[in-house]
Amino acid sequence: MSTATTTSHDIGQHTPTRGLHREAQQPVTQQERNAAQRLRTTMAAVRLSFTWLGVRKTLAPEQRTTAARVFHADRELLSASKLILDTKNPAYRAVAAVRSEASGYWRTVTLPFPEAGIRLLPQSSLGTFASTMGTYRERLQEAARELATQYDTIKSESQQRLGTLFNASDYPTTLDGLFDLEVTYPSIEPPAYLVSLHPEVYQQEQARVRERFENAVELAEQAFATELQRLTAHLAERLTGLHDGQPKVFRDSAVENLREFFERFRRLNIRSSPELDMLVEEAQQVITGIEPQQLRDSVRLRQMVARDFEQIQASVGEMLVDRPRRNILRRGQMGAGV
C-alpha cells in the first residue's frame, strides 16, 4: 500500500523572509512582549494533517538498471520514479482540490508559529473553524468515494500507459481510508505536573514557550509586511505597465485580494508594529471607494493609485531591510516557510 500523511505545513505556501533574517540579534521590545502575551492568551494551537494515497513510486532496481543502460549512466547515480495514477484525472483533481482549499483556509484564518505544522487560531474562531473543517472533511470523503468508483478504470489506464513499468502490487486493493484530513489542537504550554516534580525544568519550559510566542510575533509581522509589499507592487505594476503600447489589463482580483488582505489583517493583527499598522492603513485609504472599473476607465486615477502604492511598497521594503531582527529557528526544521 502506498500512503503518506503530510501536514499542511509541508504542502502549503512558503512566506519569503528576505531582510528579516539578520545575523545581529535584536532585543525583544516591550511592545513585542505584550503582543506575544496576547497571542499566548487568546490563541489556540492547531495542526492540520492529511492521509493521502502516494501516487509516485521509485523504480525497482532492475528498472533503474535498464534506464541507466539507455543513457550509459551509472545506476547508483540515477534516481527515477513513475506516476502510478493519472493526477490529471477529473476525479483525482476533485480530491486534490478539496485538500488545497482546506489547507488554504487553515492558513488564511491563522497565524504562523515557529514549530513545524502548527499555526495559531483565535480562540474566538474555534467553533467556526471546527465546523468549516468538518465540512471540508465531508467534501473530501465524498470526492474520495467518487474516485473509488473510477479506481479500476484508472488502474487499467495506468497499466496501458506504464507498460512494463506497471506493477499491480503498487496499488492498494481499496481506497477506503486513504484520503482523509484531521485537525488537532496540540498543547504548546509546559505540562503542569512539572511545577511540583521539577520546578527548574518548568521554568526553563516557560522561558522556551515565551520565546516561541515572541518568534510567532516576528513571523506574523514579516508575513503581513511581505504580503502587503507583494500585493501593492503587483497592482502598481498592472496599473502602470504597458503591453503592445496599451495599458495592461488587470483583473478585479488584484483589488479584491488587497481588500481580503485588509480584512485578514484587521482580524488577526497582533498590534506589534505601529509602522506596519500605519502602512496598512495608508494602503487601505488609497483603494477605499474605488472600484476596478473606475481604474480601467481613468488614466489619471490609475496613475494616482499606482504612485501611492509604489511609495507604500518602498516604505514596506525599507522596513523589512532596515530593522535587524532575531533569527527564528523551527524545531526540527530550520528555515521553513510559514
Protein backbone atom coordinates (compact mmCIF):
# COMPACT_ATOMS: atom_id res chain seq x y z
CA MET A 1 0.00 0.00 0.00
CA SER A 2 1.32 3.44 -0.91
CA THR A 3 0.17 6.08 1.53
CA ALA A 4 1.57 9.22 3.06
CA THR A 5 0.46 11.51 5.84
CA THR A 6 1.54 15.13 5.48
CA THR A 7 0.76 18.30 7.37
CA SER A 8 -0.39 21.43 5.61
CA HIS A 9 2.89 22.98 6.65
CA ASP A 10 4.57 20.62 4.21
CA ILE A 11 2.29 21.35 1.26
CA GLY A 12 1.34 24.99 1.81
CA GLN A 13 2.86 28.18 0.54
CA HIS A 14 6.17 29.47 1.78
CA THR A 15 6.43 33.03 3.02
CA PRO A 16 9.57 34.87 1.92
CA THR A 17 11.67 36.22 4.77
CA ARG A 18 14.10 38.43 2.93
CA GLY A 19 15.61 41.20 5.00
CA LEU A 20 14.21 39.96 8.28
CA HIS A 21 16.71 37.17 8.97
CA ARG A 22 19.80 39.03 10.11
CA GLU A 23 22.88 37.83 11.92
CA ALA A 24 22.54 40.52 14.57
CA GLN A 25 20.21 39.66 17.42
CA GLN A 26 17.63 42.34 18.11
CA PRO A 27 16.38 42.55 21.71
CA VAL A 28 12.69 41.95 22.22
CA THR A 29 10.82 45.21 22.78
CA GLN A 30 8.13 45.66 25.40
CA GLN A 31 5.59 46.07 22.61
CA GLU A 32 6.61 42.70 21.18
CA ARG A 33 6.43 41.11 24.62
CA ASN A 34 2.91 42.46 25.03
CA ALA A 35 1.93 41.16 21.60
CA ALA A 36 3.44 37.76 22.42
CA GLN A 37 1.45 37.60 25.64
CA ARG A 38 -1.75 38.47 23.78
CA LEU A 39 -1.07 35.63 21.36
CA ARG A 40 -0.42 33.24 24.21
CA THR A 41 -3.65 34.06 26.00
CA THR A 42 -6.02 34.47 23.04
CA MET A 43 -4.83 31.89 20.51
CA ALA A 44 -5.13 28.11 20.21
CA ALA A 45 -2.53 25.93 18.50
CA VAL A 46 -3.97 23.98 15.59
CA ARG A 47 -2.46 21.38 13.28
CA LEU A 48 -3.98 20.19 10.01
CA SER A 49 -2.77 16.87 8.57
CA PHE A 50 -3.81 14.70 5.65
CA THR A 51 -3.79 11.00 4.97
CA TRP A 52 -3.08 10.67 1.28
CA LEU A 53 -2.51 7.96 -1.27
CA GLY A 54 1.01 8.26 -2.66
CA VAL A 55 0.91 8.47 -6.46
CA ARG A 56 4.65 8.16 -7.17
CA LYS A 57 6.77 5.05 -6.79
CA THR A 58 10.52 4.70 -7.13
CA LEU A 59 11.56 2.43 -9.96
CA ALA A 60 12.72 -1.05 -9.00
CA PRO A 61 16.49 -1.69 -9.14
CA GLU A 62 16.23 -3.68 -12.36
CA GLN A 63 14.18 -0.90 -13.96
CA ARG A 64 16.80 1.66 -12.96
CA THR A 65 19.42 -0.61 -14.49
CA THR A 66 17.53 -0.62 -17.78
CA ALA A 67 17.14 3.17 -17.73
CA ALA A 68 20.82 3.65 -16.87
CA ARG A 69 21.82 1.40 -19.77
CA VAL A 70 19.87 3.61 -22.21
CA PHE A 71 21.79 6.68 -21.09
CA HIS A 72 25.10 4.87 -20.48
CA ALA A 73 24.88 6.04 -16.87
CA ASP A 74 25.84 4.56 -13.52
CA ARG A 75 22.67 3.11 -11.97
CA GLU A 76 23.77 4.19 -8.49
CA LEU A 77 23.76 7.81 -9.65
CA LEU A 78 20.34 7.57 -11.24
CA SER A 79 17.10 8.43 -9.46
CA ALA A 80 13.82 7.70 -11.20
CA SER A 81 10.16 7.31 -10.30
CA LYS A 82 6.88 6.57 -12.01
CA LEU A 83 3.45 8.13 -11.63
CA ILE A 84 1.11 5.26 -10.81
CA LEU A 85 -2.11 7.29 -11.12
CA ASP A 86 -3.09 9.97 -13.59
CA THR A 87 -3.25 13.08 -11.40
CA LYS A 88 -4.99 14.94 -14.23
CA ASN A 89 -7.97 12.64 -13.98
CA PRO A 90 -11.02 14.78 -13.03
CA ALA A 91 -11.92 12.55 -10.09
CA TYR A 92 -8.41 12.77 -8.63
CA ARG A 93 -8.26 16.52 -9.29
CA ALA A 94 -11.52 16.93 -7.35
CA VAL A 95 -9.99 15.19 -4.34
CA ALA A 96 -6.81 17.27 -4.57
CA ALA A 97 -8.84 20.48 -4.90
CA VAL A 98 -10.53 19.89 -1.54
CA ARG A 99 -7.16 19.36 0.11
CA SER A 100 -5.89 22.60 -1.41
CA GLU A 101 -8.98 24.53 -0.27
CA ALA A 102 -8.82 23.16 3.26
CA SER A 103 -5.13 23.95 3.57
CA GLY A 104 -5.68 27.45 2.18
CA TYR A 105 -8.50 28.13 4.62
CA TRP A 106 -6.36 26.90 7.54
CA ARG A 107 -3.61 29.32 6.58
CA THR A 108 -5.97 32.22 5.92
CA VAL A 109 -7.59 32.21 9.36
CA THR A 110 -4.45 31.51 11.39
CA LEU A 111 -1.06 32.99 12.19
CA PRO A 112 2.30 31.23 11.82
CA PHE A 113 4.05 29.57 14.75
CA PRO A 114 7.75 28.61 14.88
CA GLU A 115 7.08 24.88 15.11
CA ALA A 116 6.59 22.79 12.02
CA GLY A 117 2.97 22.06 11.15
CA ILE A 118 1.41 24.27 13.84
CA ARG A 119 -0.40 27.59 13.42
CA LEU A 120 -2.28 29.86 15.84
CA LEU A 121 -6.05 30.27 15.65
CA PRO A 122 -8.01 32.91 17.59
CA GLN A 123 -9.87 31.11 20.34
CA SER A 124 -12.98 33.08 19.45
CA SER A 125 -12.94 31.42 16.00
CA LEU A 126 -12.69 27.84 17.22
CA GLY A 127 -16.35 27.00 16.64
CA THR A 128 -16.47 28.36 13.11
CA PHE A 129 -13.12 26.79 12.27
CA ALA A 130 -14.10 23.34 13.54
CA SER A 131 -17.39 23.47 11.65
CA THR A 132 -15.73 24.57 8.41
CA MET A 133 -13.04 21.90 8.64
CA GLY A 134 -15.76 19.34 9.30
CA THR A 135 -17.40 20.39 6.04
CA TYR A 136 -14.08 20.09 4.20
CA ARG A 137 -13.66 16.58 5.61
CA GLU A 138 -17.10 15.58 4.38
CA ARG A 139 -16.35 17.01 0.94
CA LEU A 140 -13.01 15.19 0.83
CA GLN A 141 -14.59 11.87 1.73
CA GLU A 142 -17.35 12.38 -0.83
CA ALA A 143 -14.77 13.15 -3.54
CA ALA A 144 -12.77 10.10 -2.46
CA ARG A 145 -15.84 7.90 -2.81
CA GLU A 146 -16.33 9.19 -6.35
CA LEU A 147 -12.67 8.50 -7.11
CA ALA A 148 -13.14 4.97 -5.76
CA THR A 149 -15.91 4.30 -8.31
CA GLN A 150 -13.40 5.04 -11.09
CA TYR A 151 -10.41 3.38 -9.46
CA ASP A 152 -10.43 0.20 -11.56
CA THR A 153 -10.69 2.21 -14.78
CA ILE A 154 -7.84 4.49 -13.70
CA LYS A 155 -5.66 1.47 -12.86
CA SER A 156 -6.38 -0.06 -16.26
CA GLU A 157 -5.40 3.16 -18.00
CA SER A 158 -2.22 3.32 -15.92
CA GLN A 159 -1.37 -0.25 -16.92
CA GLN A 160 -1.64 0.67 -20.58
CA ARG A 161 0.42 3.83 -20.19
CA LEU A 162 3.12 2.39 -17.91
CA GLY A 163 3.68 -0.72 -19.98
CA THR A 164 6.32 -2.96 -18.39
CA LEU A 165 6.72 -0.48 -15.51
CA PHE A 166 3.25 -1.39 -14.27
CA ASN A 167 3.23 -3.39 -11.05
CA ALA A 168 -0.09 -4.46 -9.55
CA SER A 169 1.43 -4.51 -6.06
CA ASP A 170 1.85 -0.72 -6.25
CA TYR A 171 -1.92 -0.36 -5.94
CA PRO A 172 -3.97 -0.90 -2.77
CA THR A 173 -7.00 -3.14 -3.22
CA THR A 174 -9.28 -0.37 -1.94
CA LEU A 175 -9.11 3.38 -1.41
CA ASP A 176 -11.02 3.18 1.88
CA GLY A 177 -9.35 5.40 4.47
CA LEU A 178 -6.60 6.59 2.12
CA PHE A 179 -7.92 10.13 1.74
CA ASP A 180 -8.71 11.97 4.94
CA LEU A 181 -7.94 15.08 6.94
CA GLU A 182 -7.50 15.54 10.66
CA VAL A 183 -7.48 18.66 12.81
CA THR A 184 -5.77 18.52 16.18
CA TYR A 185 -5.17 21.11 18.86
CA PRO A 186 -1.77 20.29 20.40
CA SER A 187 -0.76 21.71 23.75
CA ILE A 188 2.23 24.02 23.50
CA GLU A 189 2.26 25.06 27.15
CA PRO A 190 4.55 23.39 29.72
CA PRO A 191 2.79 20.48 31.47
CA ALA A 192 1.52 21.49 34.91
CA TYR A 193 2.97 18.42 36.61
CA LEU A 194 6.47 19.87 36.11
CA VAL A 195 5.73 22.53 38.73
CA SER A 196 5.84 20.02 41.55
CA LEU A 197 8.12 17.42 40.00
CA HIS A 198 10.86 19.69 38.73
CA PRO A 199 10.34 23.47 39.19
CA GLU A 200 13.60 24.33 37.45
CA VAL A 201 12.65 22.41 34.32
CA TYR A 202 9.21 24.03 34.44
CA GLN A 203 10.80 27.50 34.45
CA GLN A 204 13.02 26.53 31.54
CA GLU A 205 9.99 25.35 29.60
CA GLN A 206 8.14 28.57 30.42
CA ALA A 207 11.06 30.56 29.00
CA ARG A 208 11.10 28.39 25.88
CA VAL A 209 7.38 28.90 25.26
CA ARG A 210 7.69 32.66 25.81
CA GLU A 211 10.44 32.77 23.21
CA ARG A 212 8.36 30.80 20.75
CA PHE A 213 5.47 33.25 21.06
CA GLU A 214 7.88 36.15 20.64
CA ASN A 215 9.09 34.45 17.47
CA ALA A 216 5.47 33.97 16.43
CA VAL A 217 5.03 37.75 16.65
CA GLU A 218 8.06 38.06 14.38
CA LEU A 219 6.71 35.58 11.86
CA ALA A 220 3.28 37.22 11.76
CA GLU A 221 4.74 40.68 11.26
CA GLN A 222 7.06 39.65 8.45
CA ALA A 223 4.33 37.61 6.75
CA PHE A 224 1.92 40.55 6.75
CA ALA A 225 4.60 43.00 5.62
CA THR A 226 5.78 40.76 2.79
CA GLU A 227 2.22 40.17 1.59
CA LEU A 228 1.42 43.90 1.66
CA GLN A 229 4.53 44.61 -0.36
CA ARG A 230 3.68 41.92 -2.90
CA LEU A 231 0.05 43.00 -3.35
CA THR A 232 0.78 46.72 -3.70
CA ALA A 233 3.67 46.06 -6.08
CA HIS A 234 1.51 43.81 -8.24
CA LEU A 235 -1.34 46.30 -8.54
CA ALA A 236 1.01 49.22 -9.17
CA GLU A 237 2.70 47.26 -11.94
CA ARG A 238 -0.62 46.36 -13.55
CA LEU A 239 -1.78 49.97 -13.40
CA THR A 240 1.33 51.49 -14.96
CA GLY A 241 2.69 48.77 -17.22
CA LEU A 242 2.12 48.64 -20.98
CA HIS A 243 1.59 45.71 -23.31
CA ASP A 244 1.95 46.39 -27.04
CA GLY A 245 1.67 50.08 -26.31
CA GLN A 246 -1.61 49.72 -24.44
CA PRO A 247 -2.28 49.78 -20.67
CA LYS A 248 -2.05 46.32 -19.17
CA VAL A 249 -5.30 44.57 -18.40
CA PHE A 250 -5.77 43.74 -14.74
CA ARG A 251 -8.34 41.51 -13.13
CA ASP A 252 -10.78 42.55 -10.43
CA SER A 253 -8.96 40.09 -8.17
CA ALA A 254 -5.98 42.47 -7.97
CA VAL A 255 -8.18 44.83 -5.96
CA GLU A 256 -10.22 42.13 -4.25
CA ASN A 257 -7.09 40.40 -2.96
CA LEU A 258 -6.00 43.64 -1.33
CA ARG A 259 -9.36 44.06 0.36
CA GLU A 260 -9.25 40.48 1.60
CA PHE A 261 -5.78 41.19 3.00
CA PHE A 262 -7.07 44.27 4.85
CA GLU A 263 -9.86 42.20 6.40
CA ARG A 264 -7.49 39.41 7.42
CA PHE A 265 -5.03 41.94 8.87
CA ARG A 266 -7.83 43.57 10.87
CA ARG A 267 -8.98 40.20 12.20
CA LEU A 268 -5.54 38.80 13.04
CA ASN A 269 -3.47 41.93 13.71
CA ILE A 270 -1.39 41.47 16.85
CA ARG A 271 -0.52 45.19 17.13
CA SER A 272 3.22 44.59 17.38
CA SER A 273 4.33 47.22 14.85
CA PRO A 274 2.83 50.73 14.69
CA GLU A 275 4.83 51.27 11.49
CA LEU A 276 3.20 48.30 9.77
CA ASP A 277 -0.24 49.30 11.09
CA MET A 278 0.23 52.75 9.56
CA LEU A 279 1.31 51.39 6.16
CA VAL A 280 -1.66 49.02 6.01
CA GLU A 281 -3.99 51.89 6.91
CA GLU A 282 -2.47 54.07 4.17
CA ALA A 283 -2.89 51.33 1.59
CA GLN A 284 -6.49 50.80 2.60
CA GLN A 285 -7.25 54.51 2.33
CA VAL A 286 -5.77 54.62 -1.18
CA ILE A 287 -8.18 51.98 -2.50
CA THR A 288 -11.25 52.78 -0.39
CA GLY A 289 -14.25 53.63 -2.52
CA ILE A 290 -12.51 52.74 -5.79
CA GLU A 291 -13.88 50.00 -8.00
CA PRO A 292 -11.82 48.11 -10.59
CA GLN A 293 -13.80 49.53 -13.50
CA GLN A 294 -13.01 53.08 -12.38
CA LEU A 295 -9.32 52.26 -12.62
CA ARG A 296 -9.83 50.90 -16.13
CA ASP A 297 -11.73 54.00 -17.21
CA SER A 298 -9.47 56.71 -15.78
CA VAL A 299 -5.80 57.07 -16.68
CA ARG A 300 -5.38 59.80 -14.07
CA LEU A 301 -6.86 57.63 -11.31
CA ARG A 302 -4.63 54.72 -12.31
CA GLN A 303 -1.57 56.94 -12.10
CA MET A 304 -2.55 58.33 -8.71
CA VAL A 305 -3.22 54.92 -7.18
CA ALA A 306 -0.07 53.44 -8.70
CA ARG A 307 2.07 56.29 -7.36
CA ASP A 308 0.67 55.89 -3.85
CA PHE A 309 1.17 52.13 -3.90
CA GLU A 310 4.73 52.46 -5.18
CA GLN A 311 5.50 54.72 -2.23
CA ILE A 312 3.90 52.29 0.22
CA GLN A 313 5.74 49.38 -1.36
CA ALA A 314 9.04 51.24 -0.97
CA SER A 315 8.27 52.05 2.67
CA VAL A 316 7.49 48.43 3.43
CA GLY A 317 10.72 47.42 1.73
CA GLU A 318 12.69 49.83 3.88
CA MET A 319 11.02 48.48 6.99
CA LEU A 320 11.90 44.92 6.01
CA VAL A 321 15.54 45.74 5.29
CA ASP A 322 16.36 48.33 7.92
CA ARG A 323 15.14 46.55 11.02
CA PRO A 324 17.61 43.98 12.35
CA ARG A 325 15.57 41.04 13.52
CA ARG A 326 16.05 37.92 15.58
CA ASN A 327 16.86 34.65 13.88
CA ILE A 328 13.89 32.31 14.07
CA LEU A 329 14.50 28.59 14.26
CA ARG A 330 11.80 25.95 13.95
CA ARG A 331 12.07 22.81 15.99
CA GLY A 332 13.09 20.03 13.67
CA GLN A 333 13.06 22.28 10.63
CA MET A 334 15.38 25.21 10.16
CA GLY A 335 14.40 27.94 7.73
CA ALA A 336 10.97 26.54 6.92
CA GLY A 337 8.33 28.73 5.33
CA VAL A 338 5.36 29.99 7.29
